[in-house]
């Protein structure tokens, strides 16, 4: 039998470091565990999403954020930053967690019990 687990991967020292890194931008491309992601800062909160629209596969790095959604620049489909849901599709998103030694991204995987 399988169970869903999360592997936590450290990608930053602190939220202050991320603030300095992203500066005045809304989002930036980053790579964690060989995954092309977008780090997004929207209304003083950070989000991690896959840098690929689930509809046509276009990169989302030129997208805009509006009303808590990332809007695909190609078809204007909107995906909720917290859940990834939108337009009948699902944009992969990844939880961010602060621990004593830094900021971690969570990646789900299947494991045997």
PDB file of N, CA and C in Angstrom:
ATOM      1  N   UNK A   1       0.840  -1.173   0.000  1.00  0.00           N
ATOM      2  CA  UNK A   1       0.000   0.000   0.000  1.00  0.00           C
ATOM      3  C   UNK A   1       0.890   1.243   0.000  1.00  0.00           C
ATOM      4  N   UNK A   2       0.451   2.281  -0.692  1.00  0.00           N
ATOM      5  CA  UNK A   2       1.208   3.521  -0.798  1.00  0.00           C
ATOM      6  C   UNK A   2       0.653   4.585   0.141  1.00  0.00           C
ATOM      7  N   UNK A   3       1.522   5.498   0.529  1.00  0.00           N
ATOM      8  CA  UNK A   3       1.075   6.677   1.255  1.00  0.00           C
ATOM      9  C   UNK A   3       1.765   7.899   0.647  1.00  0.00           C
ATOM     10  N   UNK A   4       1.095   9.041   0.751  1.00  0.00           N
ATOM     11  CA  UNK A   4       1.667  10.279   0.233  1.00  0.00           C
ATOM     12  C   UNK A   4       2.510  10.917   1.332  1.00  0.00           C
ATOM     13  N   UNK A   5       3.732  11.282   0.978  1.00  0.00           N
ATOM     14  CA  UNK A   5       4.633  11.932   1.925  1.00  0.00           C
ATOM     15  C   UNK A   5       5.164  13.207   1.293  1.00  0.00           C
ATOM     16  N   UNK A   6       5.759  14.042   2.114  1.00  0.00           N
ATOM     17  CA  UNK A   6       6.355  15.278   1.623  1.00  0.00           C
ATOM     18  C   UNK A   6       7.848  15.277   1.961  1.00  0.00           C
ATOM     19  N   UNK A   7       8.651  15.540   0.953  1.00  0.00           N
ATOM     20  CA  UNK A   7      10.086  15.728   1.152  1.00  0.00           C
ATOM     21  C   UNK A   7      10.327  17.233   1.216  1.00  0.00           C
ATOM     22  N   UNK A   8      10.917  17.698   2.314  1.00  0.00           N
ATOM     23  CA  UNK A   8      11.191  19.117   2.504  1.00  0.00           C
ATOM     24  C   UNK A   8      12.619  19.420   2.060  1.00  0.00           C
ATOM     25  N   UNK A   9      12.760  20.398   1.175  1.00  0.00           N
ATOM     26  CA  UNK A   9      14.060  20.767   0.611  1.00  0.00           C
ATOM     27  C   UNK A   9      14.345  22.231   0.945  1.00  0.00           C
ATOM     28  N   UNK A  10      15.459  22.460   1.611  1.00  0.00           N
ATOM     29  CA  UNK A  10      15.836  23.835   1.958  1.00  0.00           C
ATOM     30  C   UNK A  10      16.235  24.585   0.696  1.00  0.00           C
ATOM     31  N   UNK A  11      15.676  25.791   0.530  1.00  0.00           N
ATOM     32  CA  UNK A  11      16.042  26.587  -0.639  1.00  0.00           C
ATOM     33  C   UNK A  11      16.412  28.033  -0.314  1.00  0.00           C
ATOM     34  N   UNK A  12      16.302  28.440   0.947  1.00  0.00           N
ATOM     35  CA  UNK A  12      16.691  29.796   1.330  1.00  0.00           C
ATOM     36  C   UNK A  12      17.006  29.829   2.822  1.00  0.00           C
ATOM     37  N   UNK A  13      17.759  30.835   3.217  1.00  0.00           N
ATOM     38  CA  UNK A  13      18.133  30.989   4.621  1.00  0.00           C
ATOM     39  C   UNK A  13      17.016  31.602   5.455  1.00  0.00           C
ATOM     40  N   UNK A  14      16.245  32.529   4.848  1.00  0.00           N
ATOM     41  CA  UNK A  14      15.208  33.235   5.603  1.00  0.00           C
ATOM     42  C   UNK A  14      14.248  33.922   4.638  1.00  0.00           C
ATOM     43  N   UNK A  15      13.107  34.363   5.170  1.00  0.00           N
ATOM     44  CA  UNK A  15      12.183  35.152   4.359  1.00  0.00           C
ATOM     45  C   UNK A  15      12.796  36.519   4.038  1.00  0.00           C
ATOM     46  N   UNK A  16      13.630  37.024   4.918  1.00  0.00           N
ATOM     47  CA  UNK A  16      14.322  38.288   4.654  1.00  0.00           C
ATOM     48  C   UNK A  16      15.231  38.139   3.431  1.00  0.00           C
ATOM     49  N   UNK A  17      15.921  36.999   3.341  1.00  0.00           N
ATOM     50  CA  UNK A  17      16.760  36.724   2.167  1.00  0.00           C
ATOM     51  C   UNK A  17      15.900  36.701   0.903  1.00  0.00           C
ATOM     52  N   UNK A  18      14.726  36.043   0.960  1.00  0.00           N
ATOM     53  CA  UNK A  18      13.836  35.990  -0.206  1.00  0.00           C
ATOM     54  C   UNK A  18      13.325  37.376  -0.582  1.00  0.00           C
ATOM     55  N   UNK A  19      13.008  38.204   0.417  1.00  0.00           N
ATOM     56  CA  UNK A  19      12.589  39.586   0.148  1.00  0.00           C
ATOM     57  C   UNK A  19      13.676  40.342  -0.607  1.00  0.00           C
ATOM     58  N   UNK A  20      14.918  40.193  -0.161  1.00  0.00           N
ATOM     59  CA  UNK A  20      16.028  40.869  -0.833  1.00  0.00           C
ATOM     60  C   UNK A  20      16.263  40.320  -2.235  1.00  0.00           C
ATOM     61  N   UNK A  21      16.047  39.033  -2.410  1.00  0.00           N
ATOM     62  CA  UNK A  21      16.249  38.394  -3.703  1.00  0.00           C
ATOM     63  C   UNK A  21      15.201  38.841  -4.722  1.00  0.00           C
ATOM     64  N   UNK A  22      13.960  38.861  -4.329  1.00  0.00           N
ATOM     65  CA  UNK A  22      12.870  39.186  -5.254  1.00  0.00           C
ATOM     66  C   UNK A  22      12.695  40.693  -5.422  1.00  0.00           C
ATOM     67  N   UNK A  23      13.075  41.467  -4.413  1.00  0.00           N
ATOM     68  CA  UNK A  23      13.009  42.925  -4.390  1.00  0.00           C
ATOM     69  C   UNK A  23      11.649  43.436  -4.841  1.00  0.00           C
ATOM     70  N   UNK A  24      11.613  44.265  -5.884  1.00  0.00           N
ATOM     71  CA  UNK A  24      10.359  44.900  -6.313  1.00  0.00           C
ATOM     72  C   UNK A  24       9.573  44.069  -7.325  1.00  0.00           C
ATOM     73  N   UNK A  25      10.097  42.915  -7.691  1.00  0.00           N
ATOM     74  CA  UNK A  25       9.395  42.063  -8.655  1.00  0.00           C
ATOM     75  C   UNK A  25       8.272  41.303  -7.958  1.00  0.00           C
ATOM     76  N   UNK A  26       7.330  40.814  -8.719  1.00  0.00           N
ATOM     77  CA  UNK A  26       6.262  39.962  -8.193  1.00  0.00           C
ATOM     78  C   UNK A  26       6.712  38.517  -8.164  1.00  0.00           C
ATOM     79  N   UNK A  27       7.518  38.124  -9.158  1.00  0.00           N
ATOM     80  CA  UNK A  27       7.935  36.721  -9.253  1.00  0.00           C
ATOM     81  C   UNK A  27       9.296  36.608  -9.902  1.00  0.00           C
ATOM     82  N   UNK A  28       9.914  35.443  -9.669  1.00  0.00           N
ATOM     83  CA  UNK A  28      11.188  35.149 -10.308  1.00  0.00           C
ATOM     84  C   UNK A  28      11.322  33.641 -10.518  1.00  0.00           C
ATOM     85  N   UNK A  29      12.057  33.282 -11.556  1.00  0.00           N
ATOM     86  CA  UNK A  29      12.317  31.870 -11.839  1.00  0.00           C
ATOM     87  C   UNK A  29      13.347  31.347 -10.864  1.00  0.00           C
ATOM     88  N   UNK A  30      13.114  30.145 -10.348  1.00  0.00           N
ATOM     89  CA  UNK A  30      14.102  29.457  -9.537  1.00  0.00           C
ATOM     90  C   UNK A  30      14.059  27.975  -9.877  1.00  0.00           C
ATOM     91  N   UNK A  31      15.102  27.276  -9.530  1.00  0.00           N
ATOM     92  CA  UNK A  31      15.164  25.829  -9.714  1.00  0.00           C
ATOM     93  C   UNK A  31      15.436  25.192  -8.365  1.00  0.00           C
ATOM     94  N   UNK A  32      14.580  24.239  -7.995  1.00  0.00           N
ATOM     95  CA  UNK A  32      14.767  23.458  -6.778  1.00  0.00           C
ATOM     96  C   UNK A  32      14.603  22.001  -7.160  1.00  0.00           C
ATOM     97  N   UNK A  33      15.572  21.176  -6.815  1.00  0.00           N
ATOM     98  CA  UNK A  33      15.532  19.744  -7.154  1.00  0.00           C
ATOM     99  C   UNK A  33      15.259  19.525  -8.642  1.00  0.00           C
ATOM    100  N   UNK A  34      15.922  20.314  -9.474  1.00  0.00           N
ATOM    101  CA  UNK A  34      15.811  20.219 -10.933  1.00  0.00           C
ATOM    102  C   UNK A  34      14.411  20.522 -11.452  1.00  0.00           C
ATOM    103  N   UNK A  35      13.596  21.215 -10.679  1.00  0.00           N
ATOM    104  CA  UNK A  35      12.249  21.619 -11.105  1.00  0.00           C
ATOM    105  C   UNK A  35      12.257  23.106 -11.406  1.00  0.00           C
ATOM    106  N   UNK A  36      11.724  23.457 -12.573  1.00  0.00           N
ATOM    107  CA  UNK A  36      11.580  24.861 -12.935  1.00  0.00           C
ATOM    108  C   UNK A  36      10.357  25.443 -12.247  1.00  0.00           C
ATOM    109  N   UNK A  37      10.588  26.363 -11.328  1.00  0.00           N
ATOM    110  CA  UNK A  37       9.512  26.923 -10.509  1.00  0.00           C
ATOM    111  C   UNK A  37       9.495  28.438 -10.600  1.00  0.00           C
ATOM    112  N   UNK A  38       8.396  29.004 -10.131  1.00  0.00           N
ATOM    113  CA  UNK A  38       8.307  30.438  -9.930  1.00  0.00           C
ATOM    114  C   UNK A  38       8.135  30.698  -8.449  1.00  0.00           C
ATOM    115  N   UNK A  39       8.947  31.576  -7.924  1.00  0.00           N
ATOM    116  CA  UNK A  39       8.771  32.080  -6.573  1.00  0.00           C
ATOM    117  C   UNK A  39       7.976  33.366  -6.717  1.00  0.00           C
ATOM    118  N   UNK A  40       6.839  33.424  -6.079  1.00  0.00           N
ATOM    119  CA  UNK A  40       5.931  34.561  -6.216  1.00  0.00           C
ATOM    120  C   UNK A  40       5.736  35.206  -4.853  1.00  0.00           C
ATOM    121  N   UNK A  41       5.793  36.520  -4.833  1.00  0.00           N
ATOM    122  CA  UNK A  41       5.430  37.261  -3.628  1.00  0.00           C
ATOM    123  C   UNK A  41       4.191  38.078  -3.973  1.00  0.00           C
ATOM    124  N   UNK A  42       3.100  37.736  -3.294  1.00  0.00           N
ATOM    125  CA  UNK A  42       1.834  38.419  -3.544  1.00  0.00           C
ATOM    126  C   UNK A  42       1.223  38.780  -2.194  1.00  0.00           C
ATOM    127  N   UNK A  43       0.940  40.051  -2.003  1.00  0.00           N
ATOM    128  CA  UNK A  43       0.384  40.560  -0.755  1.00  0.00           C
ATOM    129  C   UNK A  43       1.179  40.059   0.457  1.00  0.00           C
ATOM    130  N   UNK A  44       2.491  40.228   0.391  1.00  0.00           N
ATOM    131  CA  UNK A  44       3.428  39.908   1.477  1.00  0.00           C
ATOM    132  C   UNK A  44       3.490  38.433   1.856  1.00  0.00           C
ATOM    133  N   UNK A  45       3.073  37.537   0.967  1.00  0.00           N
ATOM    134  CA  UNK A  45       3.177  36.107   1.204  1.00  0.00           C
ATOM    135  C   UNK A  45       3.890  35.471   0.008  1.00  0.00           C
ATOM    136  N   UNK A  46       4.704  34.450   0.302  1.00  0.00           N
ATOM    137  CA  UNK A  46       5.428  33.759  -0.759  1.00  0.00           C
ATOM    138  C   UNK A  46       4.705  32.486  -1.189  1.00  0.00           C
ATOM    139  N   UNK A  47       4.789  32.195  -2.500  1.00  0.00           N
ATOM    140  CA  UNK A  47       4.202  30.996  -3.090  1.00  0.00           C
ATOM    141  C   UNK A  47       5.228  30.384  -4.043  1.00  0.00           C
ATOM    142  N   UNK A  48       5.144  29.072  -4.218  1.00  0.00           N
ATOM    143  CA  UNK A  48       5.942  28.361  -5.215  1.00  0.00           C
ATOM    144  C   UNK A  48       4.999  27.617  -6.138  1.00  0.00           C
ATOM    145  N   UNK A  49       5.147  27.834  -7.439  1.00  0.00           N
ATOM    146  CA  UNK A  49       4.330  27.127  -8.423  1.00  0.00           C
ATOM    147  C   UNK A  49       5.230  26.651  -9.558  1.00  0.00           C
ATOM    148  N   UNK A  50       4.753  25.645 -10.262  1.00  0.00           N
ATOM    149  CA  UNK A  50       5.471  25.156 -11.435  1.00  0.00           C
ATOM    150  C   UNK A  50       5.445  26.236 -12.508  1.00  0.00           C
ATOM    151  N   UNK A  51       6.556  26.426 -13.186  1.00  0.00           N
ATOM    152  CA  UNK A  51       6.663  27.444 -14.232  1.00  0.00           C
ATOM    153  C   UNK A  51       6.163  26.894 -15.563  1.00  0.00           C
ATOM    154  N   UNK A  52       4.936  26.367 -15.553  1.00  0.00           N
ATOM    155  CA  UNK A  52       4.374  25.786 -16.771  1.00  0.00           C
ATOM    156  C   UNK A  52       2.859  25.727 -16.633  1.00  0.00           C
ATOM    157  N   UNK A  53       2.157  26.374 -17.528  1.00  0.00           N
ATOM    158  CA  UNK A  53       0.697  26.351 -17.512  1.00  0.00           C
ATOM    159  C   UNK A  53       0.213  24.935 -17.827  1.00  0.00           C
ATOM    160  N   UNK A  54      -0.720  24.405 -17.043  1.00  0.00           N
ATOM    161  CA  UNK A  54      -1.200  23.055 -17.312  1.00  0.00           C
ATOM    162  C   UNK A  54      -2.083  22.958 -18.560  1.00  0.00           C
ATOM    163  N   UNK A  55      -2.481  24.077 -19.120  1.00  0.00           N
ATOM    164  CA  UNK A  55      -3.347  24.053 -20.311  1.00  0.00           C
ATOM    165  C   UNK A  55      -2.552  23.795 -21.582  1.00  0.00           C
ATOM    166  N   UNK A  56      -1.600  24.659 -21.886  1.00  0.00           N
ATOM    167  CA  UNK A  56      -0.828  24.529 -23.123  1.00  0.00           C
ATOM    168  C   UNK A  56       0.671  24.383 -22.894  1.00  0.00           C
ATOM    169  N   UNK A  57       1.105  24.384 -21.632  1.00  0.00           N
ATOM    170  CA  UNK A  57       2.517  24.188 -21.329  1.00  0.00           C
ATOM    171  C   UNK A  57       3.381  25.429 -21.453  1.00  0.00           C
ATOM    172  N   UNK A  58       2.771  26.586 -21.688  1.00  0.00           N
ATOM    173  CA  UNK A  58       3.548  27.817 -21.827  1.00  0.00           C
ATOM    174  C   UNK A  58       4.173  28.193 -20.477  1.00  0.00           C
ATOM    175  N   UNK A  59       5.356  28.772 -20.523  1.00  0.00           N
ATOM    176  CA  UNK A  59       6.023  29.248 -19.311  1.00  0.00           C
ATOM    177  C   UNK A  59       5.201  30.382 -18.713  1.00  0.00           C
ATOM    178  N   UNK A  60       5.157  30.415 -17.393  1.00  0.00           N
ATOM    179  CA  UNK A  60       4.362  31.421 -16.686  1.00  0.00           C
ATOM    180  C   UNK A  60       5.192  32.592 -16.174  1.00  0.00           C
ATOM    181  N   UNK A  61       6.464  32.646 -16.520  1.00  0.00           N
ATOM    182  CA  UNK A  61       7.326  33.693 -15.979  1.00  0.00           C
ATOM    183  C   UNK A  61       6.911  35.101 -16.407  1.00  0.00           C
ATOM    184  N   UNK A  62       6.117  35.232 -17.464  1.00  0.00           N
ATOM    185  CA  UNK A  62       5.611  36.541 -17.883  1.00  0.00           C
ATOM    186  C   UNK A  62       4.175  36.770 -17.423  1.00  0.00           C
ATOM    187  N   UNK A  63       3.689  35.918 -16.544  1.00  0.00           N
ATOM    188  CA  UNK A  63       2.320  36.020 -16.042  1.00  0.00           C
ATOM    189  C   UNK A  63       2.190  37.205 -15.087  1.00  0.00           C
ATOM    190  N   UNK A  64       0.953  37.548 -14.786  1.00  0.00           N
ATOM    191  CA  UNK A  64       0.630  38.579 -13.801  1.00  0.00           C
ATOM    192  C   UNK A  64      -0.130  37.926 -12.658  1.00  0.00           C
ATOM    193  N   UNK A  65      -0.098  38.561 -11.502  1.00  0.00           N
ATOM    194  CA  UNK A  65      -0.891  38.103 -10.364  1.00  0.00           C
ATOM    195  C   UNK A  65      -2.000  39.109 -10.111  1.00  0.00           C
ATOM    196  N   UNK A  66      -3.235  38.597 -10.048  1.00  0.00           N
ATOM    197  CA  UNK A  66      -4.405  39.435  -9.808  1.00  0.00           C
ATOM    198  C   UNK A  66      -5.377  38.679  -8.922  1.00  0.00           C
ATOM    199  N   UNK A  67      -5.890  39.340  -7.909  1.00  0.00           N
ATOM    200  CA  UNK A  67      -6.934  38.758  -7.049  1.00  0.00           C
ATOM    201  C   UNK A  67      -6.569  37.378  -6.514  1.00  0.00           C
ATOM    202  N   UNK A  68      -5.319  37.191  -6.111  1.00  0.00           N
ATOM    203  CA  UNK A  68      -4.880  35.928  -5.533  1.00  0.00           C
ATOM    204  C   UNK A  68      -4.661  34.824  -6.546  1.00  0.00           C
ATOM    205  N   UNK A  69      -4.572  35.184  -7.829  1.00  0.00           N
ATOM    206  CA  UNK A  69      -4.377  34.192  -8.889  1.00  0.00           C
ATOM    207  C   UNK A  69      -3.202  34.588  -9.762  1.00  0.00           C
ATOM    208  N   UNK A  70      -2.552  33.576 -10.324  1.00  0.00           N
ATOM    209  CA  UNK A  70      -1.558  33.812 -11.358  1.00  0.00           C
ATOM    210  C   UNK A  70      -2.299  33.647 -12.685  1.00  0.00           C
ATOM    211  N   UNK A  71      -2.142  34.627 -13.565  1.00  0.00           N
ATOM    212  CA  UNK A  71      -2.881  34.662 -14.823  1.00  0.00           C
ATOM    213  C   UNK A  71      -1.930  34.312 -15.966  1.00  0.00           C
ATOM    214  N   UNK A  72      -2.249  33.233 -16.668  1.00  0.00           N
ATOM    215  CA  UNK A  72      -1.441  32.789 -17.801  1.00  0.00           C
ATOM    216  C   UNK A  72      -1.406  33.893 -18.866  1.00  0.00           C
ATOM    217  N   UNK A  73      -0.213  34.249 -19.362  1.00  0.00           N
ATOM    218  CA  UNK A  73      -0.128  35.313 -20.362  1.00  0.00           C
ATOM    219  C   UNK A  73      -0.670  34.903 -21.738  1.00  0.00           C
ATOM    220  N   UNK A  74      -0.847  33.630 -21.978  1.00  0.00           N
ATOM    221  CA  UNK A  74      -1.281  33.168 -23.286  1.00  0.00           C
ATOM    222  C   UNK A  74      -2.806  33.165 -23.428  1.00  0.00           C
ATOM    223  N   UNK A  75      -3.513  32.453 -22.548  1.00  0.00           N
ATOM    224  CA  UNK A  75      -4.975  32.355 -22.652  1.00  0.00           C
ATOM    225  C   UNK A  75      -5.720  33.081 -21.539  1.00  0.00           C
ATOM    226  N   UNK A  76      -4.972  33.702 -20.620  1.00  0.00           N
ATOM    227  CA  UNK A  76      -5.549  34.452 -19.501  1.00  0.00           C
ATOM    228  C   UNK A  76      -6.292  33.565 -18.506  1.00  0.00           C
ATOM    229  N   UNK A  77      -5.958  32.281 -18.461  1.00  0.00           N
ATOM    230  CA  UNK A  77      -6.525  31.413 -17.436  1.00  0.00           C
ATOM    231  C   UNK A  77      -5.913  31.791 -16.094  1.00  0.00           C
ATOM    232  N   UNK A  78      -6.738  31.815 -15.053  1.00  0.00           N
ATOM    233  CA  UNK A  78      -6.252  32.156 -13.726  1.00  0.00           C
ATOM    234  C   UNK A  78      -6.198  30.932 -12.826  1.00  0.00           C
ATOM    235  N   UNK A  79      -5.129  30.827 -12.044  1.00  0.00           N
ATOM    236  CA  UNK A  79      -4.937  29.709 -11.126  1.00  0.00           C
ATOM    237  C   UNK A  79      -4.683  30.264  -9.727  1.00  0.00           C
ATOM    238  N   UNK A  80      -5.426  29.758  -8.751  1.00  0.00           N
ATOM    239  CA  UNK A  80      -5.305  30.207  -7.373  1.00  0.00           C
ATOM    240  C   UNK A  80      -3.897  29.936  -6.859  1.00  0.00           C
ATOM    241  N   UNK A  81      -3.273  30.949  -6.271  1.00  0.00           N
ATOM    242  CA  UNK A  81      -1.900  30.797  -5.783  1.00  0.00           C
ATOM    243  C   UNK A  81      -1.792  29.798  -4.636  1.00  0.00           C
ATOM    244  N   UNK A  82      -2.832  29.683  -3.832  1.00  0.00           N
ATOM    245  CA  UNK A  82      -2.788  28.775  -2.670  1.00  0.00           C
ATOM    246  C   UNK A  82      -3.084  27.327  -3.030  1.00  0.00           C
ATOM    247  N   UNK A  83      -4.037  27.122  -3.940  1.00  0.00           N
ATOM    248  CA  UNK A  83      -4.481  25.759  -4.245  1.00  0.00           C
ATOM    249  C   UNK A  83      -4.063  25.255  -5.623  1.00  0.00           C
ATOM    250  N   UNK A  84      -3.760  26.161  -6.533  1.00  0.00           N
ATOM    251  CA  UNK A  84      -3.427  25.780  -7.907  1.00  0.00           C
ATOM    252  C   UNK A  84      -4.642  25.556  -8.785  1.00  0.00           C
ATOM    253  N   UNK A  85      -5.827  25.614  -8.235  1.00  0.00           N
ATOM    254  CA  UNK A  85      -7.049  25.331  -8.994  1.00  0.00           C
ATOM    255  C   UNK A  85      -7.454  26.511  -9.862  1.00  0.00           C
ATOM    256  N   UNK A  86      -7.978  26.184 -11.050  1.00  0.00           N
ATOM    257  CA  UNK A  86      -8.492  27.226 -11.934  1.00  0.00           C
ATOM    258  C   UNK A  86      -8.711  26.715 -13.332  1.00  0.00           C
ATOM    259  N   UNK A  87      -9.690  27.280 -14.002  1.00  0.00           N
ATOM    260  CA  UNK A  87      -9.983  26.979 -15.405  1.00  0.00           C
ATOM    261  C   UNK A  87     -10.204  25.484 -15.636  1.00  0.00           C
ATOM    262  N   UNK A  88     -10.710  24.777 -14.620  1.00  0.00           N
ATOM    263  CA  UNK A  88     -10.940  23.343 -14.751  1.00  0.00           C
ATOM    264  C   UNK A  88      -9.659  22.523 -14.743  1.00  0.00           C
ATOM    265  N   UNK A  89      -8.543  23.165 -14.462  1.00  0.00           N
ATOM    266  CA  UNK A  89      -7.238  22.514 -14.452  1.00  0.00           C
ATOM    267  C   UNK A  89      -6.581  22.736 -13.093  1.00  0.00           C
ATOM    268  N   UNK A  90      -5.380  22.207 -12.940  1.00  0.00           N
ATOM    269  CA  UNK A  90      -4.662  22.335 -11.683  1.00  0.00           C
ATOM    270  C   UNK A  90      -3.206  22.673 -11.964  1.00  0.00           C
ATOM    271  N   UNK A  91      -2.750  23.819 -11.465  1.00  0.00           N
ATOM    272  CA  UNK A  91      -1.358  24.225 -11.563  1.00  0.00           C
ATOM    273  C   UNK A  91      -0.625  23.679 -10.346  1.00  0.00           C
ATOM    274  N   UNK A  92       0.452  22.948 -10.578  1.00  0.00           N
ATOM    275  CA  UNK A  92       1.207  22.399  -9.452  1.00  0.00           C
ATOM    276  C   UNK A  92       1.752  23.521  -8.594  1.00  0.00           C
ATOM    277  N   UNK A  93       1.493  23.419  -7.296  1.00  0.00           N
ATOM    278  CA  UNK A  93       2.056  24.376  -6.351  1.00  0.00           C
ATOM    279  C   UNK A  93       2.660  23.607  -5.192  1.00  0.00           C
ATOM    280  N   UNK A  94       3.549  24.266  -4.469  1.00  0.00           N
ATOM    281  CA  UNK A  94       4.341  23.577  -3.454  1.00  0.00           C
ATOM    282  C   UNK A  94       4.314  24.386  -2.158  1.00  0.00           C
ATOM    283  N   UNK A  95       4.105  23.716  -1.026  1.00  0.00           N
ATOM    284  CA  UNK A  95       4.073  24.438   0.241  1.00  0.00           C
ATOM    285  C   UNK A  95       5.450  24.971   0.611  1.00  0.00           C
ATOM    286  N   UNK A  96       5.445  26.074   1.327  1.00  0.00           N
ATOM    287  CA  UNK A  96       6.668  26.677   1.844  1.00  0.00           C
ATOM    288  C   UNK A  96       6.565  26.659   3.366  1.00  0.00           C
ATOM    289  N   UNK A  97       7.647  26.248   4.005  1.00  0.00           N
ATOM    290  CA  UNK A  97       7.639  26.152   5.462  1.00  0.00           C
ATOM    291  C   UNK A  97       8.927  26.757   6.022  1.00  0.00           C
ATOM    292  N   UNK A  98       8.754  27.561   7.079  1.00  0.00           N
ATOM    293  CA  UNK A  98       9.913  28.117   7.764  1.00  0.00           C
ATOM    294  C   UNK A  98      10.291  27.192   8.908  1.00  0.00           C
ATOM    295  N   UNK A  99      11.576  26.821   8.937  1.00  0.00           N
ATOM    296  CA  UNK A  99      12.115  26.022  10.039  1.00  0.00           C
ATOM    297  C   UNK A  99      13.241  26.814  10.685  1.00  0.00           C
ATOM    298  N   UNK A 100      13.764  26.315  11.772  1.00  0.00           N
ATOM    299  CA  UNK A 100      14.808  27.039  12.501  1.00  0.00           C
ATOM    300  C   UNK A 100      16.016  27.377  11.640  1.00  0.00           C
ATOM    301  N   UNK A 101      16.366  26.488  10.710  1.00  0.00           N
ATOM    302  CA  UNK A 101      17.579  26.694   9.913  1.00  0.00           C
ATOM    303  C   UNK A 101      17.321  27.234   8.516  1.00  0.00           C
ATOM    304  N   UNK A 102      16.081  27.593   8.179  1.00  0.00           N
ATOM    305  CA  UNK A 102      15.841  28.162   6.858  1.00  0.00           C
ATOM    306  C   UNK A 102      14.432  27.953   6.336  1.00  0.00           C
ATOM    307  N   UNK A 103      14.276  28.212   5.045  1.00  0.00           N
ATOM    308  CA  UNK A 103      12.995  28.115   4.350  1.00  0.00           C
ATOM    309  C   UNK A 103      13.029  26.879   3.456  1.00  0.00           C
ATOM    310  N   UNK A 104      11.961  26.089   3.546  1.00  0.00           N
ATOM    311  CA  UNK A 104      11.887  24.814   2.826  1.00  0.00           C
ATOM    312  C   UNK A 104      10.688  24.774   1.893  1.00  0.00           C
ATOM    313  N   UNK A 105      10.865  24.054   0.777  1.00  0.00           N
ATOM    314  CA  UNK A 105       9.781  23.754  -0.158  1.00  0.00           C
ATOM    315  C   UNK A 105       9.408  22.287   0.016  1.00  0.00           C
ATOM    316  N   UNK A 106       8.114  21.991  -0.055  1.00  0.00           N
ATOM    317  CA  UNK A 106       7.639  20.621   0.106  1.00  0.00           C
ATOM    318  C   UNK A 106       7.253  19.995  -1.222  1.00  0.00           C
ATOM    319  N   UNK A 107       7.784  18.794  -1.467  1.00  0.00           N
ATOM    320  CA  UNK A 107       7.490  18.065  -2.695  1.00  0.00           C
ATOM    321  C   UNK A 107       6.871  16.718  -2.329  1.00  0.00           C
ATOM    322  N   UNK A 108       5.656  16.480  -2.825  1.00  0.00           N
ATOM    323  CA  UNK A 108       4.963  15.228  -2.516  1.00  0.00           C
ATOM    324  C   UNK A 108       5.572  14.065  -3.287  1.00  0.00           C
ATOM    325  N   UNK A 109       5.542  12.889  -2.653  1.00  0.00           N
ATOM    326  CA  UNK A 109       5.961  11.666  -3.317  1.00  0.00           C
ATOM    327  C   UNK A 109       5.226  10.484  -2.673  1.00  0.00           C
ATOM    328  N   UNK A 110       5.141   9.410  -3.431  1.00  0.00           N
ATOM    329  CA  UNK A 110       4.506   8.185  -2.908  1.00  0.00           C
ATOM    330  C   UNK A 110       5.556   7.309  -2.255  1.00  0.00           C
ATOM    331  N   UNK A 111       5.157   6.640  -1.165  1.00  0.00           N
ATOM    332  CA  UNK A 111       6.062   5.758  -0.436  1.00  0.00           C
ATOM    333  C   UNK A 111       5.295   4.530   0.011  1.00  0.00           C
ATOM    334  N   UNK A 112       6.011   3.429   0.185  1.00  0.00           N
ATOM    335  CA  UNK A 112       5.413   2.247   0.762  1.00  0.00           C
ATOM    336  C   UNK A 112       5.205   2.492   2.241  1.00  0.00           C
ATOM    337  N   UNK A 113       4.175   1.885   2.817  1.00  0.00           N
ATOM    338  CA  UNK A 113       3.959   1.992   4.268  1.00  0.00           C
ATOM    339  C   UNK A 113       5.121   1.387   5.004  1.00  0.00           C
TER     340      UNK A 113
END
